[in-house]
C-alpha atoms as a PDB file:
ATOM      1  CA  MET A   1      18.277 -11.656  27.034  1.00  0.00           C
ATOM      2  CA  PRO A   2      15.038 -10.239  26.825  1.00  0.00           C
ATOM      3  CA  MET A   3      12.906 -12.514  28.203  1.00  0.00           C
ATOM      4  CA  SER A   4       9.604 -13.888  26.346  1.00  0.00           C
ATOM      5  CA  ASP A   5       6.785 -13.619  26.978  1.00  0.00           C
ATOM      6  CA  GLU A   6       5.827 -16.933  28.613  1.00  0.00           C
ATOM      7  CA  GLU A   7       8.895 -16.399  30.724  1.00  0.00           C
ATOM      8  CA  VAL A   8       7.925 -12.958  31.873  1.00  0.00           C
ATOM      9  CA  ARG A   9       4.455 -14.569  32.837  1.00  0.00           C
ATOM     10  CA  ALA A  10       6.327 -16.986  34.823  1.00  0.00           C
ATOM     11  CA  VAL A  11       7.850 -14.621  36.829  1.00  0.00           C
ATOM     12  CA  ALA A  12       4.813 -12.308  37.285  1.00  0.00           C
ATOM     13  CA  TYR A  13       3.604 -15.660  38.402  1.00  0.00           C
ATOM     14  CA  GLN A  14       6.339 -16.392  40.627  1.00  0.00           C
ATOM     15  CA  VAL A  15       5.853 -12.670  42.415  1.00  0.00           C
ATOM     16  CA  LEU A  16       1.768 -13.406  42.607  1.00  0.00           C
ATOM     17  CA  ASP A  17       2.635 -16.285  44.256  1.00  0.00           C
ATOM     18  CA  TYR A  18       4.724 -14.929  46.573  1.00  0.00           C
ATOM     19  CA  ALA A  19       2.443 -11.977  47.456  1.00  0.00           C
ATOM     20  CA  GLU A  20      -0.297 -14.335  47.986  1.00  0.00           C
ATOM     21  CA  LYS A  21       1.241 -16.236  50.647  1.00  0.00           C
ATOM     22  CA  LEU A  22       2.729 -12.817  52.032  1.00  0.00           C
ATOM     23  CA  ARG A  23      -0.667 -11.843  52.469  1.00  0.00           C
ATOM     24  CA  SER A  24      -2.572 -14.725  53.789  1.00  0.00           C
ATOM     25  CA  ALA A  25      -0.049 -17.063  55.357  1.00  0.00           C
ATOM     26  CA  VAL A  26       0.442 -16.858  59.430  1.00  0.00           C
ATOM     27  CA  LYS A  27       4.737 -16.950  58.661  1.00  0.00           C
ATOM     28  CA  ALA A  28       5.694 -14.937  55.757  1.00  0.00           C
ATOM     29  CA  PRO A  29       7.429 -17.176  53.399  1.00  0.00           C
ATOM     30  CA  GLU A  30      10.895 -17.116  52.220  1.00  0.00           C
ATOM     31  CA  ILE A  31      12.166 -15.046  49.750  1.00  0.00           C
ATOM     32  CA  PRO A  32      12.380 -16.775  46.120  1.00  0.00           C
ATOM     33  CA  ALA A  33      15.325 -17.656  45.272  1.00  0.00           C
ATOM     34  CA  PRO A  34      15.436 -15.310  41.788  1.00  0.00           C
ATOM     35  CA  PHE A  35      14.719 -12.118  43.982  1.00  0.00           C
ATOM     36  CA  ALA A  36      17.079 -12.616  46.770  1.00  0.00           C
ATOM     37  CA  ASN A  37      19.456  -9.747  45.690  1.00  0.00           C
ATOM     38  CA  ASP A  38      16.593  -7.933  43.913  1.00  0.00           C
ATOM     39  CA  ALA A  39      16.895  -5.114  45.701  1.00  0.00           C
ATOM     40  CA  LYS A  40      13.167  -3.688  44.250  1.00  0.00           C
ATOM     41  CA  PHE A  41      11.821  -6.729  45.723  1.00  0.00           C
ATOM     42  CA  LEU A  42      13.398  -7.191  48.670  1.00  0.00           C
ATOM     43  CA  GLN A  43      12.642  -3.201  49.391  1.00  0.00           C
ATOM     44  CA  TYR A  44       8.707  -4.646  48.909  1.00  0.00           C
ATOM     45  CA  HIS A  45       9.316  -8.139  50.952  1.00  0.00           C
ATOM     46  CA  ASP A  46       9.969  -5.041  54.225  1.00  0.00           C
ATOM     47  CA  ASP A  47       7.332  -2.885  53.104  1.00  0.00           C
ATOM     48  CA  CYS A  48       5.201  -6.059  53.418  1.00  0.00           C
ATOM     49  CA  LEU A  49       6.560  -7.092  57.041  1.00  0.00           C
ATOM     50  CA  LYS A  50       5.838  -3.976  58.668  1.00  0.00           C
ATOM     51  CA  LEU A  51       2.417  -3.826  57.428  1.00  0.00           C
ATOM     52  CA  ARG A  52       1.124  -7.045  58.441  1.00  0.00           C
ATOM     53  CA  GLU A  53       3.695  -5.901  62.261  1.00  0.00           C
ATOM     54  CA  ILE A  54       1.132  -2.903  61.810  1.00  0.00           C
ATOM     55  CA  LEU A  55      -2.010  -4.875  60.917  1.00  0.00           C
ATOM     56  CA  TYR A  56      -1.449  -7.315  63.873  1.00  0.00           C
ATOM     57  CA  ALA A  57      -0.255  -4.942  66.215  1.00  0.00           C
ATOM     58  CA  PHE A  58      -3.882  -3.081  65.886  1.00  0.00           C
ATOM     59  CA  SER A  59      -5.749  -6.777  66.255  1.00  0.00           C
ATOM     60  CA  LYS A  60      -4.155  -6.967  69.961  1.00  0.00           C
ATOM     61  CA  GLY A  61      -5.478  -3.063  70.220  1.00  0.00           C
ATOM     62  CA  ASP A  62      -1.715  -2.196  70.287  1.00  0.00           C
ATOM     63  CA  LEU A  63      -2.144   1.314  69.213  1.00  0.00           C
ATOM     64  CA  SER A  64       1.712   2.592  70.102  1.00  0.00           C
ATOM     65  CA  VAL A  65       2.960   1.203  66.767  1.00  0.00           C
ATOM     66  CA  ASN A  66       5.683   3.732  65.338  1.00  0.00           C
ATOM     67  CA  ILE A  67       4.595   4.161  61.921  1.00  0.00           C
ATOM     68  CA  LYS A  68       7.180   5.332  59.055  1.00  0.00           C
ATOM     69  CA  MET A  69       5.901   3.946  55.934  1.00  0.00           C
ATOM     70  CA  ARG A  70       4.771   6.413  53.527  1.00  0.00           C
ATOM     71  CA  GLY A  71       2.430   5.869  50.415  1.00  0.00           C
ATOM     72  CA  PHE A  72      -1.801   5.419  50.616  1.00  0.00           C
ATOM     73  CA  THR A  73      -1.848   2.196  52.653  1.00  0.00           C
ATOM     74  CA  ALA A  74       0.683   3.533  55.277  1.00  0.00           C
ATOM     75  CA  GLY A  75      -1.624   6.777  55.374  1.00  0.00           C
ATOM     76  CA  ALA A  76      -4.960   4.670  55.639  1.00  0.00           C
ATOM     77  CA  CYS A  77      -2.939   2.870  58.835  1.00  0.00           C
ATOM     78  CA  LYS A  78      -2.067   5.855  60.048  1.00  0.00           C
ATOM     79  CA  ALA A  79      -5.638   7.511  59.757  1.00  0.00           C
ATOM     80  CA  LEU A  80      -7.067   4.444  61.783  1.00  0.00           C
ATOM     81  CA  GLN A  81      -4.604   4.439  64.179  1.00  0.00           C
ATOM     82  CA  GLY A  82      -5.623   7.917  65.014  1.00  0.00           C
ATOM     83  CA  ASN A  83      -9.379   7.382  65.076  1.00  0.00           C
ATOM     84  CA  LEU A  84      -8.491   4.291  67.607  1.00  0.00           C
ATOM     85  CA  ARG A  85      -6.467   6.174  69.323  1.00  0.00           C
ATOM     86  CA  HIS A  86      -8.899   9.723  69.686  1.00  0.00           C
ATOM     87  CA  MET A  87     -11.121   7.032  70.260  1.00  0.00           C
ATOM     88  CA  THR A  88      -9.430   5.235  73.152  1.00  0.00           C
ATOM     89  CA  TRP A  89      -9.187   8.523  74.518  1.00  0.00           C
ATOM     90  CA  VAL A  90     -13.339   9.324  74.163  1.00  0.00           C
ATOM     91  CA  VAL A  91     -14.293   6.695  75.535  1.00  0.00           C
ATOM     92  CA  GLN A  92     -11.732   7.366  79.256  1.00  0.00           C
ATOM     93  CA  GLN A  93     -13.175  10.432  79.403  1.00  0.00           C
ATOM     94  CA  ILE A  94     -16.650   8.535  79.255  1.00  0.00           C
ATOM     95  CA  GLU A  95     -15.216   6.975  82.319  1.00  0.00           C
ATOM     96  CA  LYS A  96     -14.680   9.926  84.295  1.00  0.00           C
ATOM     97  CA  GLY A  97     -18.161  11.029  84.121  1.00  0.00           C
ATOM     98  CA  ASP A  98     -17.633  13.465  80.732  1.00  0.00           C
ATOM     99  CA  TYR A  99     -20.988  12.421  79.090  1.00  0.00           C
ATOM    100  CA  THR A 100     -20.473  14.718  76.240  1.00  0.00           C
ATOM    101  CA  GLN A 101     -18.156  13.075  74.234  1.00  0.00           C
ATOM    102  CA  ARG A 102     -19.226  11.995  70.415  1.00  0.00           C
ATOM    103  CA  ILE A 103     -17.446  10.350  67.654  1.00  0.00           C
ATOM    104  CA  ASP A 104     -17.807  10.771  64.384  1.00  0.00           C
ATOM    105  CA  PHE A 105     -15.428   8.936  61.773  1.00  0.00           C
ATOM    106  CA  LEU A 106     -16.580   5.126  61.920  1.00  0.00           C
ATOM    107  CA  GLY A 107     -19.660   5.248  60.136  1.00  0.00           C
ATOM    108  CA  GLU A 108     -22.588   2.759  62.014  1.00  0.00           C
ATOM    109  CA  PHE A 109     -20.426   2.307  64.891  1.00  0.00           C
ATOM    110  CA  SER A 110     -20.327   6.133  65.815  1.00  0.00           C
ATOM    111  CA  LYS A 111     -24.016   6.573  65.291  1.00  0.00           C
ATOM    112  CA  TYR A 112     -24.612   3.802  67.905  1.00  0.00           C
ATOM    113  CA  PHE A 113     -21.775   4.738  70.176  1.00  0.00           C
ATOM    114  CA  ASN A 114     -23.050   8.232  70.856  1.00  0.00           C
ATOM    115  CA  SER A 115     -26.625   7.268  71.286  1.00  0.00           C
ATOM    116  CA  MET A 116     -25.129   4.452  74.223  1.00  0.00           C
ATOM    117  CA  THR A 117     -23.556   7.629  75.118  1.00  0.00           C
ATOM    118  CA  GLU A 118     -26.285   9.642  75.299  1.00  0.00           C
ATOM    119  CA  ARG A 119     -28.387   7.022  77.133  1.00  0.00           C
ATOM    120  CA  LEU A 120     -26.072   6.478  79.666  1.00  0.00           C
ATOM    121  CA  ARG A 121     -25.708   9.861  80.249  1.00  0.00           C
ATOM    122  CA  ILE A 122     -29.600  10.297  80.870  1.00  0.00           C
ATOM    123  CA  THR A 123     -29.153   6.869  82.966  1.00  0.00           C
ATOM    124  CA  ILE A 124     -26.237   8.499  85.350  1.00  0.00           C
ATOM    125  CA  GLU A 125     -28.086  11.535  85.543  1.00  0.00           C
ATOM    126  CA  ASP A 126     -31.485   9.422  86.326  1.00  0.00           C
ATOM    127  CA  LEU A 127     -29.341   7.565  89.204  1.00  0.00           C
ATOM    128  CA  CYS A 128     -27.724  10.670  90.377  1.00  0.00           C
ATOM    129  CA  GLN A 129     -31.121  12.126  91.436  1.00  0.00           C
ATOM    130  CA  LYS A 130     -32.405   9.078  92.782  1.00  0.00           C
ATOM    131  CA  GLU A 131     -28.900   8.549  95.114  1.00  0.00           C
ATOM    132  CA  GLU A 132     -29.814  12.163  96.269  1.00  0.00           C
ATOM    133  CA  ALA A 133     -32.727  11.481  97.268  1.00  0.00           C
ATOM    134  CA  LEU A 134     -31.539   8.368  99.143  1.00  0.00           C
ATOM    135  CA  THR A 135     -28.308  10.205 100.955  1.00  0.00           C
ATOM    136  CA  ALA A 136     -30.700  12.341 102.133  1.00  0.00           C
ATOM    137  CA  LEU A 137     -33.087   9.504 103.290  1.00  0.00           C
ATOM    138  CA  ALA A 138     -29.443   7.774 104.703  1.00  0.00           C
ATOM    139  CA  VAL A 139     -28.497  11.220 106.308  1.00  0.00           C
ATOM    140  CA  SER A 140     -31.882  11.357 108.039  1.00  0.00           C
ATOM    141  CA  LEU A 141     -31.632   7.311 109.099  1.00  0.00           C
ATOM    142  CA  GLN A 142     -27.892   8.393 110.496  1.00  0.00           C
ATOM    143  CA  GLU A 143     -28.978  11.308 112.263  1.00  0.00           C
ATOM    144  CA  GLU A 144     -31.875   8.903 114.529  1.00  0.00           C
ATOM    145  CA  ALA A 145     -29.784   6.584 114.590  1.00  0.00           C
ATOM    146  CA  LYS A 146     -26.645   8.497 116.144  1.00  0.00           C
ATOM    147  CA  ARG A 147     -29.913   9.920 118.774  1.00  0.00           C
ATOM    148  CA  ARG A 148     -30.408   6.698 119.646  1.00  0.00           C
ATOM    149  CA  SER A 149     -26.878   5.382 119.906  1.00  0.00           C
ATOM    150  CA  ALA A 150     -26.244   8.236 121.779  1.00  0.00           C
ATOM    151  CA  VAL A 151     -29.091   7.534 124.069  1.00  0.00           C
ATOM    152  CA  MET A 152     -27.831   3.994 124.505  1.00  0.00           C
ATOM    153  CA  SER A 153     -24.238   4.767 125.098  1.00  0.00           C
ATOM    154  CA  GLU A 154     -25.577   7.014 128.199  1.00  0.00           C
ATOM    155  CA  LEU A 155     -27.710   3.469 129.347  1.00  0.00           C
ATOM    156  CA  LYS A 156     -24.646   1.509 129.024  1.00  0.00           C
ATOM    157  CA  LYS A 157     -22.722   4.087 130.867  1.00  0.00           C
ATOM    158  CA  SER A 158     -25.214   4.268 133.829  1.00  0.00           C
ATOM    159  CA  GLU A 159     -25.374   0.396 133.459  1.00  0.00           C
ATOM    160  CA  GLN A 160     -21.453  -0.142 133.785  1.00  0.00           C
ATOM    161  CA  LYS A 161     -21.606   2.708 136.268  1.00  0.00           C
ATOM    162  CA  PHE A 162     -23.477   1.174 138.903  1.00  0.00           C
ATOM    163  CA  LYS A 163     -22.316  -2.317 138.128  1.00  0.00           C
ATOM    164  CA  MET A 164     -18.798  -0.764 138.721  1.00  0.00           C
ATOM    165  CA  LEU A 165     -20.201   0.961 142.168  1.00  0.00           C
ATOM    166  CA  ALA A 166     -21.607  -2.481 143.099  1.00  0.00           C
ATOM    167  CA  ASP A 167     -18.566  -4.566 142.144  1.00  0.00           C
ATOM    168  CA  GLN A 168     -15.746  -1.804 143.328  1.00  0.00           C
ATOM    169  CA  ASP A 169     -14.387  -0.548 146.566  1.00  0.00           C
ATOM    170  CA  SER A 170     -14.600   2.853 146.605  1.00  0.00           C
ATOM    171  CA  LEU A 171     -11.900   3.836 147.879  1.00  0.00           C
ATOM    172  CA  THR A 172      -9.337   1.437 146.850  1.00  0.00           C
ATOM    173  CA  ASN A 173     -10.640   1.064 143.349  1.00  0.00           C
ATOM    174  CA  LEU A 174     -10.081  -2.424 143.813  1.00  0.00           C
ATOM    175  CA  LEU A 175     -12.956  -5.803 144.176  1.00  0.00           C
ATOM    176  CA  ASN A 176     -14.905  -5.563 146.783  1.00  0.00           C
ATOM    177  CA  ARG A 177     -15.284  -8.335 149.045  1.00  0.00           C
ATOM    178  CA  ARG A 178     -18.812  -9.541 147.149  1.00  0.00           C
ATOM    179  CA  ALA A 179     -17.161  -9.180 144.140  1.00  0.00           C
ATOM    180  CA  PHE A 180     -13.782 -10.669 144.977  1.00  0.00           C
ATOM    181  CA  PHE A 181     -15.736 -13.934 146.372  1.00  0.00           C
ATOM    182  CA  SER A 182     -17.519 -14.202 143.274  1.00  0.00           C
ATOM    183  CA  PHE A 183     -14.287 -13.727 140.546  1.00  0.00           C
ATOM    184  CA  ALA A 184     -12.583 -15.709 143.090  1.00  0.00           C
ATOM    185  CA  GLU A 185     -14.849 -18.903 143.123  1.00  0.00           C
ATOM    186  CA  THR A 186     -14.785 -19.393 139.423  1.00  0.00           C
ATOM    187  CA  LYS A 187     -11.040 -18.585 139.118  1.00  0.00           C
ATOM    188  CA  VAL A 188     -10.727 -21.412 141.785  1.00  0.00           C
ATOM    189  CA  GLN A 189     -13.282 -23.998 139.368  1.00  0.00           C
ATOM    190  CA  ILE A 190     -10.944 -23.277 136.312  1.00  0.00           C
ATOM    191  CA  MET A 191      -8.127 -23.873 137.968  1.00  0.00           C
ATOM    192  CA  CYS A 192      -9.026 -27.044 139.930  1.00  0.00           C
ATOM    193  CA  ALA A 193     -10.565 -28.106 135.962  1.00  0.00           C
ATOM    194  CA  ASN A 194      -6.951 -27.707 134.463  1.00  0.00           C
ATOM    195  CA  GLN A 195      -5.226 -29.545 137.964  1.00  0.00           C
ATOM    196  CA  GLN A 196      -3.585 -26.350 138.735  1.00  0.00           C
ATOM    197  CA  GLN A 197      -3.086 -25.004 141.983  1.00  0.00           C
ATOM    198  CA  CYS A 198      -3.844 -21.653 143.508  1.00  0.00           C
ATOM    199  CA  CYS A 199      -2.915 -19.600 146.896  1.00  0.00           C
ATOM    200  CA  VAL A 200      -4.403 -17.452 148.731  1.00  0.00           C
ATOM    201  CA  CYS A 201      -2.927 -14.530 150.151  1.00  0.00           C
ATOM    202  CA  LEU A 202      -4.062 -12.003 152.985  1.00  0.00           C
ATOM    203  CA  LEU A 203      -2.065  -8.525 153.543  1.00  0.00           C
ATOM    204  CA  ASP A 204      -2.712  -6.814 156.833  1.00  0.00           C
ATOM    205  CA  VAL A 205      -1.037  -3.277 156.926  1.00  0.00           C
ATOM    206  CA  ASP A 206       1.296  -2.770 160.378  1.00  0.00           C
ATOM    207  CA  TYR A 207       0.482  -0.770 163.040  1.00  0.00           C
ATOM    208  CA  PHE A 208      -2.705   0.457 161.051  1.00  0.00           C
ATOM    209  CA  LYS A 209      -4.806   1.798 163.831  1.00  0.00           C
ATOM    210  CA  ARG A 210      -1.316   4.008 165.372  1.00  0.00           C
ATOM    211  CA  PHE A 211      -0.728   5.331 161.618  1.00  0.00           C
ATOM    212  CA  ASN A 212      -4.334   6.674 162.169  1.00  0.00           C
ATOM    213  CA  ASP A 213      -4.219   8.071 165.378  1.00  0.00           C
ATOM    214  CA  THR A 214      -0.743   9.483 164.401  1.00  0.00           C
ATOM    215  CA  PHE A 215      -1.908  11.352 161.119  1.00  0.00           C
ATOM    216  CA  GLY A 216      -5.089  11.300 161.467  1.00  0.00           C
ATOM    217  CA  HIS A 217      -8.385   9.053 159.290  1.00  0.00           C
ATOM    218  CA  ILE A 218      -7.836  10.954 155.715  1.00  0.00           C
ATOM    219  CA  GLU A 219      -4.068   9.909 155.961  1.00  0.00           C
ATOM    220  CA  GLY A 220      -4.862   6.684 156.307  1.00  0.00           C
ATOM    221  CA  ASP A 221      -7.408   6.614 153.388  1.00  0.00           C
ATOM    222  CA  ARG A 222      -4.559   7.571 151.228  1.00  0.00           C
ATOM    223  CA  ALA A 223      -2.669   5.472 152.547  1.00  0.00           C
ATOM    224  CA  LEU A 224      -4.144   1.971 152.315  1.00  0.00           C
ATOM    225  CA  GLN A 225      -4.544   3.699 148.450  1.00  0.00           C
ATOM    226  CA  HIS A 226      -0.660   3.859 148.356  1.00  0.00           C
ATOM    227  CA  ILE A 227      -0.815   0.488 148.949  1.00  0.00           C
ATOM    228  CA  ALA A 228      -3.061  -1.346 146.453  1.00  0.00           C
ATOM    229  CA  GLN A 229      -1.182   0.751 143.685  1.00  0.00           C
ATOM    230  CA  ILE A 230       2.141  -1.041 145.166  1.00  0.00           C
ATOM    231  CA  CYS A 231       0.231  -4.203 144.941  1.00  0.00           C
ATOM    232  CA  GLN A 232      -1.301  -4.055 141.493  1.00  0.00           C
ATOM    233  CA  ARG A 233       1.670  -2.982 139.745  1.00  0.00           C
ATOM    234  CA  LYS A 234       3.074  -5.825 141.223  1.00  0.00           C
ATOM    235  CA  LEU A 235       0.063  -8.447 139.952  1.00  0.00           C
ATOM    236  CA  ARG A 236      -0.724 -10.241 136.788  1.00  0.00           C
ATOM    237  CA  GLN A 237      -3.670  -8.100 135.408  1.00  0.00           C
ATOM    238  CA  THR A 238      -5.153 -10.757 133.785  1.00  0.00           C
ATOM    239  CA  ASP A 239      -4.305 -13.863 135.733  1.00  0.00           C
ATOM    240  CA  ASP A 240      -4.311 -12.469 139.063  1.00  0.00           C
ATOM    241  CA  ILE A 241      -7.368 -11.314 141.721  1.00  0.00           C
ATOM    242  CA  MET A 242      -7.209  -8.744 144.143  1.00  0.00           C
ATOM    243  CA  GLY A 243      -9.724  -7.153 146.720  1.00  0.00           C
ATOM    244  CA  ARG A 244     -10.359  -5.343 149.748  1.00  0.00           C
ATOM    245  CA  TYR A 245     -10.879  -7.776 152.555  1.00  0.00           C
ATOM    246  CA  GLY A 246     -11.739  -4.762 155.392  1.00  0.00           C
ATOM    247  CA  GLY A 247     -10.653  -2.659 157.029  1.00  0.00           C
ATOM    248  CA  GLU A 248      -6.483  -2.146 156.437  1.00  0.00           C
ATOM    249  CA  GLU A 249      -6.936  -6.030 155.234  1.00  0.00           C
ATOM    250  CA  PHE A 250      -6.334  -7.063 151.228  1.00  0.00           C
ATOM    251  CA  ILE A 251      -7.123 -10.661 149.821  1.00  0.00           C
ATOM    252  CA  ILE A 252      -5.123 -11.836 146.593  1.00  0.00           C
ATOM    253  CA  LEU A 253      -6.166 -15.149 144.836  1.00  0.00           C
ATOM    254  CA  PHE A 254      -2.824 -15.878 142.677  1.00  0.00           C
ATOM    255  CA  ALA A 255      -3.213 -18.220 139.790  1.00  0.00           C
ATOM    256  CA  MET A 256      -0.104 -20.376 140.066  1.00  0.00           C
ATOM    257  CA  ARG A 257       1.486 -22.326 142.623  1.00  0.00           C
ATOM    258  CA  LEU A 258       2.503 -22.182 146.136  1.00  0.00           C
ATOM    259  CA  GLU A 259       6.543 -21.662 145.210  1.00  0.00           C
ATOM    260  CA  GLN A 260       5.376 -18.845 142.927  1.00  0.00           C
ATOM    261  CA  THR A 261       3.246 -16.764 144.870  1.00  0.00           C
ATOM    262  CA  TYR A 262       5.917 -16.915 147.956  1.00  0.00           C
ATOM    263  CA  GLU A 263       8.165 -14.938 145.996  1.00  0.00           C
ATOM    264  CA  ALA A 264       5.553 -12.670 144.323  1.00  0.00           C
ATOM    265  CA  VAL A 265       4.499 -12.163 147.749  1.00  0.00           C
ATOM    266  CA  GLU A 266       7.554 -10.962 149.044  1.00  0.00           C
ATOM    267  CA  ARG A 267       8.625  -8.917 146.054  1.00  0.00           C
ATOM    268  CA  ILE A 268       5.220  -6.978 146.948  1.00  0.00           C
ATOM    269  CA  ARG A 269       6.562  -6.982 150.727  1.00  0.00           C
ATOM    270  CA  GLN A 270       9.770  -5.802 150.144  1.00  0.00           C
ATOM    271  CA  THR A 271       8.357  -2.914 147.863  1.00  0.00           C
ATOM    272  CA  ILE A 272       6.157  -1.772 149.912  1.00  0.00           C
ATOM    273  CA  GLU A 273       8.865  -1.626 152.788  1.00  0.00           C
ATOM    274  CA  GLY A 274      10.875   0.417 149.939  1.00  0.00           C
ATOM    275  CA  THR A 275       8.854   2.645 148.807  1.00  0.00           C
ATOM    276  CA  PRO A 276       7.877   5.298 151.602  1.00  0.00           C
ATOM    277  CA  PHE A 277       4.765   6.644 151.952  1.00  0.00           C
ATOM    278  CA  SER A 278       4.264  10.643 151.128  1.00  0.00           C
ATOM    279  CA  LEU A 279       1.985  12.817 153.493  1.00  0.00           C
ATOM    280  CA  GLU A 280       0.179  15.380 151.983  1.00  0.00           C
ATOM    281  CA  ASN A 281       2.962  18.032 153.984  1.00  0.00           C
ATOM    282  CA  GLY A 282       5.766  16.778 151.841  1.00  0.00           C
ATOM    283  CA  ASN A 283       7.520  14.359 154.524  1.00  0.00           C
ATOM    284  CA  THR A 284       7.353  10.884 154.393  1.00  0.00           C
ATOM    285  CA  THR A 285       6.558   8.109 156.555  1.00  0.00           C
ATOM    286  CA  PRO A 286       7.810   4.096 156.434  1.00  0.00           C
ATOM    287  CA  LEU A 287       4.782   1.502 155.884  1.00  0.00           C
ATOM    288  CA  THR A 288       4.853  -2.307 155.903  1.00  0.00           C
ATOM    289  CA  ALA A 289       2.813  -4.694 155.767  1.00  0.00           C
ATOM    290  CA  SER A 290       2.209  -8.600 157.407  1.00  0.00           C
ATOM    291  CA  PHE A 291       1.308 -11.614 154.516  1.00  0.00           C
ATOM    292  CA  GLY A 292      -0.564 -14.892 155.690  1.00  0.00           C
ATOM    293  CA  ILE A 293      -0.722 -17.397 152.406  1.00  0.00           C
ATOM    294  CA  SER A 294      -2.435 -20.929 151.808  1.00  0.00           C
ATOM    295  CA  VAL A 295      -2.333 -22.867 149.340  1.00  0.00           C
ATOM    296  CA  ILE A 296      -5.234 -24.704 147.459  1.00  0.00           C
ATOM    297  CA  LEU A 297      -4.336 -27.947 146.005  1.00  0.00           C
ATOM    298  CA  PRO A 298      -6.951 -29.437 142.951  1.00  0.00           C
ATOM    299  CA  HIS A 299      -7.469 -33.091 143.684  1.00  0.00           C
ATOM    300  CA  GLU A 300      -8.618 -32.147 146.881  1.00  0.00           C
ATOM    301  CA  VAL A 301     -11.139 -29.850 145.816  1.00  0.00           C
ATOM    302  CA  GLU A 302     -15.127 -30.864 146.237  1.00  0.00           C
ATOM    303  CA  ASP A 303     -16.383 -27.341 146.601  1.00  0.00           C
ATOM    304  CA  ASN A 304     -14.909 -24.391 144.981  1.00  0.00           C
ATOM    305  CA  ALA A 305     -16.647 -22.322 147.461  1.00  0.00           C
ATOM    306  CA  GLU A 306     -16.079 -24.004 150.828  1.00  0.00           C
ATOM    307  CA  ALA A 307     -11.946 -24.954 149.319  1.00  0.00           C
ATOM    308  CA  LEU A 308     -12.221 -21.107 149.015  1.00  0.00           C
ATOM    309  CA  ARG A 309     -13.074 -20.383 152.829  1.00  0.00           C
ATOM    310  CA  VAL A 310     -11.186 -23.052 154.227  1.00  0.00           C
ATOM    311  CA  ALA A 311      -7.912 -21.311 152.001  1.00  0.00           C
ATOM    312  CA  ILE A 312      -8.973 -18.122 153.504  1.00  0.00           C
ATOM    313  CA  TYR A 313      -9.040 -19.376 156.868  1.00  0.00           C
ATOM    314  CA  GLN A 314      -5.253 -20.970 156.824  1.00  0.00           C
ATOM    315  CA  ALA A 315      -4.154 -18.032 155.477  1.00  0.00           C
ATOM    316  CA  ASP A 316      -5.995 -15.278 158.350  1.00  0.00           C
ATOM    317  CA  THR A 317      -3.904 -17.939 160.508  1.00  0.00           C
ATOM    318  CA  ALA A 318      -0.837 -17.602 158.653  1.00  0.00           C
ATOM    319  CA  LEU A 319      -1.519 -13.577 158.641  1.00  0.00           C
ATOM    320  CA  TYR A 320      -1.699 -14.091 162.813  1.00  0.00           C
ATOM    321  CA  ILE A 321       1.331 -15.758 163.287  1.00  0.00           C
ATOM    322  CA  ALA A 322       3.346 -13.384 160.400  1.00  0.00           C
ATOM    323  CA  LYS A 323       2.374 -10.720 162.713  1.00  0.00           C
ATOM    324  CA  ALA A 324       2.699 -12.501 166.139  1.00  0.00           C
ATOM    325  CA  GLU A 325       6.400 -13.051 165.086  1.00  0.00           C
ATOM    326  CA  GLY A 326       7.175  -9.230 164.925  1.00  0.00           C
ATOM    327  CA  ARG A 327       5.062  -7.978 161.266  1.00  0.00           C
ATOM    328  CA  ASN A 328       6.689  -7.316 157.611  1.00  0.00           C
ATOM    329  CA  GLN A 329       7.226 -10.657 156.789  1.00  0.00           C
ATOM    330  CA  THR A 330       5.156 -14.142 155.227  1.00  0.00           C
ATOM    331  CA  ARG A 331       4.450 -16.747 156.556  1.00  0.00           C
ATOM    332  CA  ILE A 332       2.354 -20.146 154.532  1.00  0.00           C
ATOM    333  CA  ALA A 333      -0.170 -21.494 156.226  1.00  0.00           C
ATOM    334  CA  VAL A 334       1.040 -24.854 158.300  1.00  0.00           C
ATOM    335  CA  GLU A 335      -1.448 -26.932 155.859  1.00  0.00           C
ATOM    336  CA  ALA A 336       0.167 -26.304 153.054  1.00  0.00           C
ATOM    337  CA  PRO A 337       2.713 -28.663 151.722  1.00  0.00           C
ATOM    338  CA  PRO A 338       6.332 -27.667 152.591  1.00  0.00           C
ATOM    339  CA  ILE A 339       8.326 -25.543 149.441  1.00  0.00           C
ATOM    340  CA  SER A 340      11.082 -25.929 148.258  1.00  0.00           C
ATOM    341  CA  SER A 341      14.497 -25.518 149.876  1.00  0.00           C
ATOM    342  CA  ASN A 342      16.002 -22.681 148.229  1.00  0.00           C
ATOM    343  CA  THR A 343      13.137 -20.704 148.400  1.00  0.00           C
ATOM    344  CA  THR A 344      12.731 -20.384 153.014  1.00  0.00           C
ATOM    345  CA  PRO A 345       9.499 -18.326 154.306  1.00  0.00           C
END
């Protein structure tokens, strides 16, 4: 039955009301019941939803949406999408340093965008010129700094060399006697402040005069270097201090208890005994050494230098006993407290 004009108008108003809601509402409205099965209305509904999705994606900067619709509106969206993609590419080129890029499809925006790009080009060129001038100045300053640094480096090397010569025994590269006492006094002070024991050990190469008489003083010097290297390999580089005491005598300050010191000294003595010395002619000859140990007890120390002097005297006495009893052995000063029964000197 044909609809009356009023009925047609009512349906038209219902469609327009739905279209208005579809255009302006945040959430798409439900399809009115009379049109739920109408193919044309459903097609219109789908097209409007797709258009909403396209416009929403553009509003968020998403230009990847695939526009499959046809018609004027879809064509306008595709044109806008293409223009925005091209503008994005232009901005990327400018970001890479190409300031020749221009756009001409966005009216007034294109005019001001191109003007901004031109000003940016001029500013960048000006900055590049200033940068070149500053770079040249920086290079000049760097060259001057290098020259001064080289001079300072040579001065420091000279200073270090003279300091090393002042502190080092030229034959063995160990601390000389003066430098040993300086470092050892500081170490004794630290150990006593922490209520920790430390020990002094004197080492004397056995029958060294006979060795020199037999093989000569040059071989004697090499033998002392041989002994010094063995000792250094067995010491803790950051805790123990070793120096040349004089002639064929060496001195070591061990930053540990008497029991540990005795074991460490015995390892050194056994290594020296078990490592024959290689002469220049290719032959080898055995070397041995005698050792004397004394302990510095923190609660008995009032003067660091005096405590070190007394400990050296006691270690020297113990060394004399070791030599008198046959050499190639370690003796502990009688003034030292007894060590545990499982470590027999």
